[in-house]
Amino acid sequence: MKYTILNRRIGSALEMNFSNADQLNRWLDINEDFESLGPVEKYLPTRHVRMQRWKDKNDQFAGWGS
């Protein structure tokens, strides 16, 4: 399962995969500067995927200067 992890010392967040909640808790016990913000339930598609969807909807647009 994917979790959002916050580094309290520097304020950055990241996503990490853990096989279960016990593995997450063991990792958090070892790494005291981090805390879990909970499981990731949704994701933001990459820019490439978002732009491809836009391009498919706007095929008639040939570009600037056309």
PDB file of N, CA and C in Angstrom:
ATOM      1  N   MET A   1       0.839  -1.173   0.000  1.00  0.00           N
ATOM      2  CA  MET A   1       0.000   0.000   0.000  1.00  0.00           C
ATOM      3  C   MET A   1       0.892   1.247   0.000  1.00  0.00           C
ATOM      4  N   LYS A   2       0.456   2.280  -0.682  1.00  0.00           N
ATOM      5  CA  LYS A   2       1.235   3.505  -0.796  1.00  0.00           C
ATOM      6  C   LYS A   2       0.789   4.493   0.272  1.00  0.00           C
ATOM      7  N   TYR A   3       1.767   5.098   0.960  1.00  0.00           N
ATOM      8  CA  TYR A   3       1.493   6.061   2.027  1.00  0.00           C
ATOM      9  C   TYR A   3       2.206   7.370   1.747  1.00  0.00           C
ATOM     10  N   THR A   4       1.616   8.466   2.191  1.00  0.00           N
ATOM     11  CA  THR A   4       2.276   9.765   2.152  1.00  0.00           C
ATOM     12  C   THR A   4       3.056   9.915   3.446  1.00  0.00           C
ATOM     13  N   ILE A   5       4.348  10.197   3.318  1.00  0.00           N
ATOM     14  CA  ILE A   5       5.250  10.313   4.459  1.00  0.00           C
ATOM     15  C   ILE A   5       5.751  11.751   4.526  1.00  0.00           C
ATOM     16  N   LEU A   6       5.684  12.347   5.710  1.00  0.00           N
ATOM     17  CA  LEU A   6       6.138  13.723   5.926  1.00  0.00           C
ATOM     18  C   LEU A   6       7.430  13.715   6.726  1.00  0.00           C
ATOM     19  N   ASN A   7       8.434  14.442   6.229  1.00  0.00           N
ATOM     20  CA  ASN A   7       9.675  14.641   6.969  1.00  0.00           C
ATOM     21  C   ASN A   7       9.484  15.918   7.781  1.00  0.00           C
ATOM     22  N   ARG A   8       9.241  15.783   9.068  1.00  0.00           N
ATOM     23  CA  ARG A   8       8.950  16.941   9.925  1.00  0.00           C
ATOM     24  C   ARG A   8      10.148  17.872  10.061  1.00  0.00           C
ATOM     25  N   ARG A   9      11.362  17.343   9.933  1.00  0.00           N
ATOM     26  CA  ARG A   9      12.553  18.175  10.122  1.00  0.00           C
ATOM     27  C   ARG A   9      12.702  19.195   9.006  1.00  0.00           C
ATOM     28  N   ILE A  10      12.461  18.796   7.752  1.00  0.00           N
ATOM     29  CA  ILE A  10      12.652  19.732   6.636  1.00  0.00           C
ATOM     30  C   ILE A  10      11.344  20.089   5.923  1.00  0.00           C
ATOM     31  N   GLY A  11      10.232  19.440   6.292  1.00  0.00           N
ATOM     32  CA  GLY A  11       8.935  19.801   5.739  1.00  0.00           C
ATOM     33  C   GLY A  11       8.628  19.235   4.370  1.00  0.00           C
ATOM     34  N   SER A  12       9.366  18.246   3.903  1.00  0.00           N
ATOM     35  CA  SER A  12       9.076  17.666   2.596  1.00  0.00           C
ATOM     36  C   SER A  12       8.180  16.439   2.751  1.00  0.00           C
ATOM     37  N   ALA A  13       7.442  16.132   1.701  1.00  0.00           N
ATOM     38  CA  ALA A  13       6.560  14.966   1.707  1.00  0.00           C
ATOM     39  C   ALA A  13       6.935  14.061   0.540  1.00  0.00           C
ATOM     40  N   LEU A  14       6.710  12.765   0.734  1.00  0.00           N
ATOM     41  CA  LEU A  14       6.992  11.792  -0.311  1.00  0.00           C
ATOM     42  C   LEU A  14       6.018  10.645  -0.187  1.00  0.00           C
ATOM     43  N   GLU A  15       5.949   9.829  -1.224  1.00  0.00           N
ATOM     44  CA  GLU A  15       5.103   8.646  -1.204  1.00  0.00           C
ATOM     45  C   GLU A  15       5.988   7.415  -1.165  1.00  0.00           C
ATOM     46  N   MET A  16       5.620   6.474  -0.308  1.00  0.00           N
ATOM     47  CA  MET A  16       6.383   5.232  -0.175  1.00  0.00           C
ATOM     48  C   MET A  16       5.430   4.050  -0.158  1.00  0.00           C
ATOM     49  N   ASN A  17       5.885   2.919  -0.695  1.00  0.00           N
ATOM     50  CA  ASN A  17       5.105   1.690  -0.696  1.00  0.00           C
ATOM     51  C   ASN A  17       5.521   0.802   0.463  1.00  0.00           C
ATOM     52  N   PHE A  18       4.540   0.253   1.161  1.00  0.00           N
ATOM     53  CA  PHE A  18       4.766  -0.715   2.227  1.00  0.00           C
ATOM     54  C   PHE A  18       3.804  -1.869   2.000  1.00  0.00           C
ATOM     55  N   SER A  19       4.247  -3.069   2.342  1.00  0.00           N
ATOM     56  CA  SER A  19       3.390  -4.230   2.106  1.00  0.00           C
ATOM     57  C   SER A  19       2.238  -4.306   3.095  1.00  0.00           C
ATOM     58  N   ASN A  20       2.414  -3.740   4.296  1.00  0.00           N
ATOM     59  CA  ASN A  20       1.327  -3.733   5.289  1.00  0.00           C
ATOM     60  C   ASN A  20       1.604  -2.645   6.329  1.00  0.00           C
ATOM     61  N   ALA A  21       0.656  -2.448   7.229  1.00  0.00           N
ATOM     62  CA  ALA A  21       0.775  -1.393   8.244  1.00  0.00           C
ATOM     63  C   ALA A  21       1.904  -1.683   9.235  1.00  0.00           C
ATOM     64  N   ASP A  22       2.169  -2.960   9.518  1.00  0.00           N
ATOM     65  CA  ASP A  22       3.267  -3.307  10.436  1.00  0.00           C
ATOM     66  C   ASP A  22       4.617  -2.870   9.870  1.00  0.00           C
ATOM     67  N   GLN A  23       4.814  -3.082   8.579  1.00  0.00           N
ATOM     68  CA  GLN A  23       6.064  -2.666   7.942  1.00  0.00           C
ATOM     69  C   GLN A  23       6.211  -1.144   8.019  1.00  0.00           C
ATOM     70  N   LEU A  24       5.120  -0.418   7.778  1.00  0.00           N
ATOM     71  CA  LEU A  24       5.130   1.040   7.888  1.00  0.00           C
ATOM     72  C   LEU A  24       5.514   1.468   9.300  1.00  0.00           C
ATOM     73  N   ASN A  25       4.884   0.870  10.295  1.00  0.00           N
ATOM     74  CA  ASN A  25       5.165   1.241  11.681  1.00  0.00           C
ATOM     75  C   ASN A  25       6.603   0.937  12.086  1.00  0.00           C
ATOM     76  N   ARG A  26       7.165  -0.178  11.627  1.00  0.00           N
ATOM     77  CA  ARG A  26       8.578  -0.487  11.919  1.00  0.00           C
ATOM     78  C   ARG A  26       9.487   0.552  11.283  1.00  0.00           C
ATOM     79  N   TRP A  27       9.172   0.963  10.041  1.00  0.00           N
ATOM     80  CA  TRP A  27       9.990   1.954   9.350  1.00  0.00           C
ATOM     81  C   TRP A  27       9.920   3.290  10.085  1.00  0.00           C
ATOM     82  N   LEU A  28       8.723   3.676  10.534  1.00  0.00           N
ATOM     83  CA  LEU A  28       8.562   4.936  11.255  1.00  0.00           C
ATOM     84  C   LEU A  28       9.277   4.911  12.604  1.00  0.00           C
ATOM     85  N   ASP A  29       9.329   3.749  13.262  1.00  0.00           N
ATOM     86  CA  ASP A  29      10.053   3.628  14.534  1.00  0.00           C
ATOM     87  C   ASP A  29      11.544   3.872  14.343  1.00  0.00           C
ATOM     88  N   ILE A  30      12.075   3.419  13.223  1.00  0.00           N
ATOM     89  CA  ILE A  30      13.508   3.576  12.938  1.00  0.00           C
ATOM     90  C   ILE A  30      13.817   5.014  12.512  1.00  0.00           C
ATOM     91  N   ASN A  31      12.928   5.606  11.742  1.00  0.00           N
ATOM     92  CA  ASN A  31      13.128   6.951  11.183  1.00  0.00           C
ATOM     93  C   ASN A  31      12.247   7.944  11.933  1.00  0.00           C
ATOM     94  N   GLU A  32      12.760   8.488  12.997  1.00  0.00           N
ATOM     95  CA  GLU A  32      11.965   9.294  13.920  1.00  0.00           C
ATOM     96  C   GLU A  32      11.551  10.660  13.374  1.00  0.00           C
ATOM     97  N   ASP A  33      12.235  11.172  12.351  1.00  0.00           N
ATOM     98  CA  ASP A  33      11.884  12.487  11.795  1.00  0.00           C
ATOM     99  C   ASP A  33      10.677  12.419  10.865  1.00  0.00           C
ATOM    100  N   PHE A  34      10.176  11.229  10.580  1.00  0.00           N
ATOM    101  CA  PHE A  34       9.103  11.054   9.616  1.00  0.00           C
ATOM    102  C   PHE A  34       7.805  10.663  10.309  1.00  0.00           C
ATOM    103  N   GLU A  35       6.685  11.049   9.680  1.00  0.00           N
ATOM    104  CA  GLU A  35       5.380  10.603  10.163  1.00  0.00           C
ATOM    105  C   GLU A  35       4.500  10.302   8.956  1.00  0.00           C
ATOM    106  N   SER A  36       3.573   9.402   9.123  1.00  0.00           N
ATOM    107  CA  SER A  36       2.669   9.022   8.049  1.00  0.00           C
ATOM    108  C   SER A  36       1.459   9.942   8.052  1.00  0.00           C
ATOM    109  N   LEU A  37       1.097  10.425   6.867  1.00  0.00           N
ATOM    110  CA  LEU A  37      -0.106  11.235   6.722  1.00  0.00           C
ATOM    111  C   LEU A  37      -1.276  10.387   6.246  1.00  0.00           C
ATOM    112  N   GLY A  38      -1.052   9.085   6.112  1.00  0.00           N
ATOM    113  CA  GLY A  38      -2.120   8.169   5.721  1.00  0.00           C
ATOM    114  C   GLY A  38      -1.901   7.585   4.346  1.00  0.00           C
ATOM    115  N   PRO A  39      -2.747   6.635   3.995  1.00  0.00           N
ATOM    116  CA  PRO A  39      -2.611   5.993   2.680  1.00  0.00           C
ATOM    117  C   PRO A  39      -2.989   6.940   1.551  1.00  0.00           C
ATOM    118  N   VAL A  40      -2.374   6.726   0.399  1.00  0.00           N
ATOM    119  CA  VAL A  40      -2.676   7.507  -0.801  1.00  0.00           C
ATOM    120  C   VAL A  40      -3.868   6.838  -1.474  1.00  0.00           C
ATOM    121  N   GLU A  41      -4.964   7.564  -1.580  1.00  0.00           N
ATOM    122  CA  GLU A  41      -6.160   7.005  -2.180  1.00  0.00           C
ATOM    123  C   GLU A  41      -6.358   7.478  -3.616  1.00  0.00           C
ATOM    124  N   LYS A  42      -5.769   8.607  -3.956  1.00  0.00           N
ATOM    125  CA  LYS A  42      -5.864   9.143  -5.312  1.00  0.00           C
ATOM    126  C   LYS A  42      -4.472   9.559  -5.746  1.00  0.00           C
ATOM    127  N   TYR A  43      -4.272   9.691  -7.027  1.00  0.00           N
ATOM    128  CA  TYR A  43      -2.973  10.133  -7.515  1.00  0.00           C
ATOM    129  C   TYR A  43      -3.170  11.166  -8.614  1.00  0.00           C
ATOM    130  N   LEU A  44      -2.171  11.991  -8.789  1.00  0.00           N
ATOM    131  CA  LEU A  44      -2.179  12.985  -9.844  1.00  0.00           C
ATOM    132  C   LEU A  44      -1.430  12.409 -11.035  1.00  0.00           C
ATOM    133  N   PRO A  45      -2.065  12.319 -12.188  1.00  0.00           N
ATOM    134  CA  PRO A  45      -1.366  11.794 -13.354  1.00  0.00           C
ATOM    135  C   PRO A  45      -0.168  12.680 -13.717  1.00  0.00           C
ATOM    136  N   THR A  46       0.812  12.099 -14.321  1.00  0.00           N
ATOM    137  CA  THR A  46       1.989  12.864 -14.730  1.00  0.00           C
ATOM    138  C   THR A  46       1.602  13.902 -15.774  1.00  0.00           C
ATOM    139  N   ARG A  47       2.448  14.885 -15.948  1.00  0.00           N
ATOM    140  CA  ARG A  47       2.189  15.939 -16.923  1.00  0.00           C
ATOM    141  C   ARG A  47       2.013  15.343 -18.315  1.00  0.00           C
ATOM    142  N   HIS A  48       2.809  14.347 -18.650  1.00  0.00           N
ATOM    143  CA  HIS A  48       2.725  13.707 -19.959  1.00  0.00           C
ATOM    144  C   HIS A  48       1.316  13.150 -20.196  1.00  0.00           C
ATOM    145  N   VAL A  49       0.755  12.489 -19.206  1.00  0.00           N
ATOM    146  CA  VAL A  49      -0.584  11.913 -19.338  1.00  0.00           C
ATOM    147  C   VAL A  49      -1.629  13.013 -19.442  1.00  0.00           C
ATOM    148  N   ARG A  50      -1.515  14.055 -18.618  1.00  0.00           N
ATOM    149  CA  ARG A  50      -2.487  15.147 -18.660  1.00  0.00           C
ATOM    150  C   ARG A  50      -2.452  15.861 -20.006  1.00  0.00           C
ATOM    151  N   MET A  51      -1.268  16.110 -20.546  1.00  0.00           N
ATOM    152  CA  MET A  51      -1.147  16.806 -21.823  1.00  0.00           C
ATOM    153  C   MET A  51      -1.652  15.930 -22.972  1.00  0.00           C
ATOM    154  N   GLN A  52      -1.461  14.626 -22.879  1.00  0.00           N
ATOM    155  CA  GLN A  52      -1.941  13.731 -23.936  1.00  0.00           C
ATOM    156  C   GLN A  52      -3.470  13.789 -24.011  1.00  0.00           C
ATOM    157  N   ARG A  53      -4.127  13.824 -22.866  1.00  0.00           N
ATOM    158  CA  ARG A  53      -5.596  13.923 -22.858  1.00  0.00           C
ATOM    159  C   ARG A  53      -6.044  15.226 -23.509  1.00  0.00           C
ATOM    160  N   TRP A  54      -5.344  16.329 -23.220  1.00  0.00           N
ATOM    161  CA  TRP A  54      -5.686  17.616 -23.804  1.00  0.00           C
ATOM    162  C   TRP A  54      -5.483  17.580 -25.312  1.00  0.00           C
ATOM    163  N   LYS A  55      -4.376  16.979 -25.745  1.00  0.00           N
ATOM    164  CA  LYS A  55      -4.062  16.917 -27.170  1.00  0.00           C
ATOM    165  C   LYS A  55      -5.117  16.109 -27.919  1.00  0.00           C
ATOM    166  N   ASP A  56      -5.558  14.997 -27.324  1.00  0.00           N
ATOM    167  CA  ASP A  56      -6.577  14.170 -27.970  1.00  0.00           C
ATOM    168  C   ASP A  56      -7.885  14.927 -28.151  1.00  0.00           C
ATOM    169  N   LYS A  57      -8.231  15.789 -27.189  1.00  0.00           N
ATOM    170  CA  LYS A  57      -9.471  16.556 -27.277  1.00  0.00           C
ATOM    171  C   LYS A  57      -9.355  17.699 -28.289  1.00  0.00           C
ATOM    172  N   ASN A  58      -8.158  18.168 -28.539  1.00  0.00           N
ATOM    173  CA  ASN A  58      -7.936  19.343 -29.366  1.00  0.00           C
ATOM    174  C   ASN A  58      -7.111  19.021 -30.602  1.00  0.00           C
ATOM    175  N   ASP A  59      -7.436  17.936 -31.282  1.00  0.00           N
ATOM    176  CA  ASP A  59      -6.657  17.531 -32.457  1.00  0.00           C
ATOM    177  C   ASP A  59      -6.667  18.565 -33.568  1.00  0.00           C
ATOM    178  N   GLN A  60      -7.747  19.348 -33.684  1.00  0.00           N
ATOM    179  CA  GLN A  60      -7.841  20.310 -34.763  1.00  0.00           C
ATOM    180  C   GLN A  60      -6.863  21.468 -34.601  1.00  0.00           C
ATOM    181  N   PHE A  61      -6.306  21.674 -33.407  1.00  0.00           N
ATOM    182  CA  PHE A  61      -5.368  22.758 -33.160  1.00  0.00           C
ATOM    183  C   PHE A  61      -4.007  22.385 -33.737  1.00  0.00           C
ATOM    184  N   ALA A  62      -3.558  23.102 -34.755  1.00  0.00           N
ATOM    185  CA  ALA A  62      -2.303  22.774 -35.414  1.00  0.00           C
ATOM    186  C   ALA A  62      -1.119  23.471 -34.766  1.00  0.00           C
ATOM    187  N   GLY A  63      -1.352  24.462 -33.956  1.00  0.00           N
ATOM    188  CA  GLY A  63      -0.248  25.160 -33.308  1.00  0.00           C
ATOM    189  C   GLY A  63      -0.218  26.624 -33.684  1.00  0.00           C
ATOM    190  N   TRP A  64       0.588  27.364 -32.954  1.00  0.00           N
ATOM    191  CA  TRP A  64       0.692  28.801 -33.207  1.00  0.00           C
ATOM    192  C   TRP A  64       1.377  29.034 -34.540  1.00  0.00           C
ATOM    193  N   GLY A  65       0.894  30.021 -35.281  1.00  0.00           N
ATOM    194  CA  GLY A  65       1.504  30.411 -36.543  1.00  0.00           C
ATOM    195  C   GLY A  65       1.045  29.561 -37.714  1.00  0.00           C
ATOM    196  N   SER A  66       0.071  28.685 -37.493  1.00  0.00           N
ATOM    197  CA  SER A  66      -0.399  27.829 -38.598  1.00  0.00           C
ATOM    198  C   SER A  66      -1.445  28.544 -39.406  1.00  0.00           C
TER     199      SER A  66
END
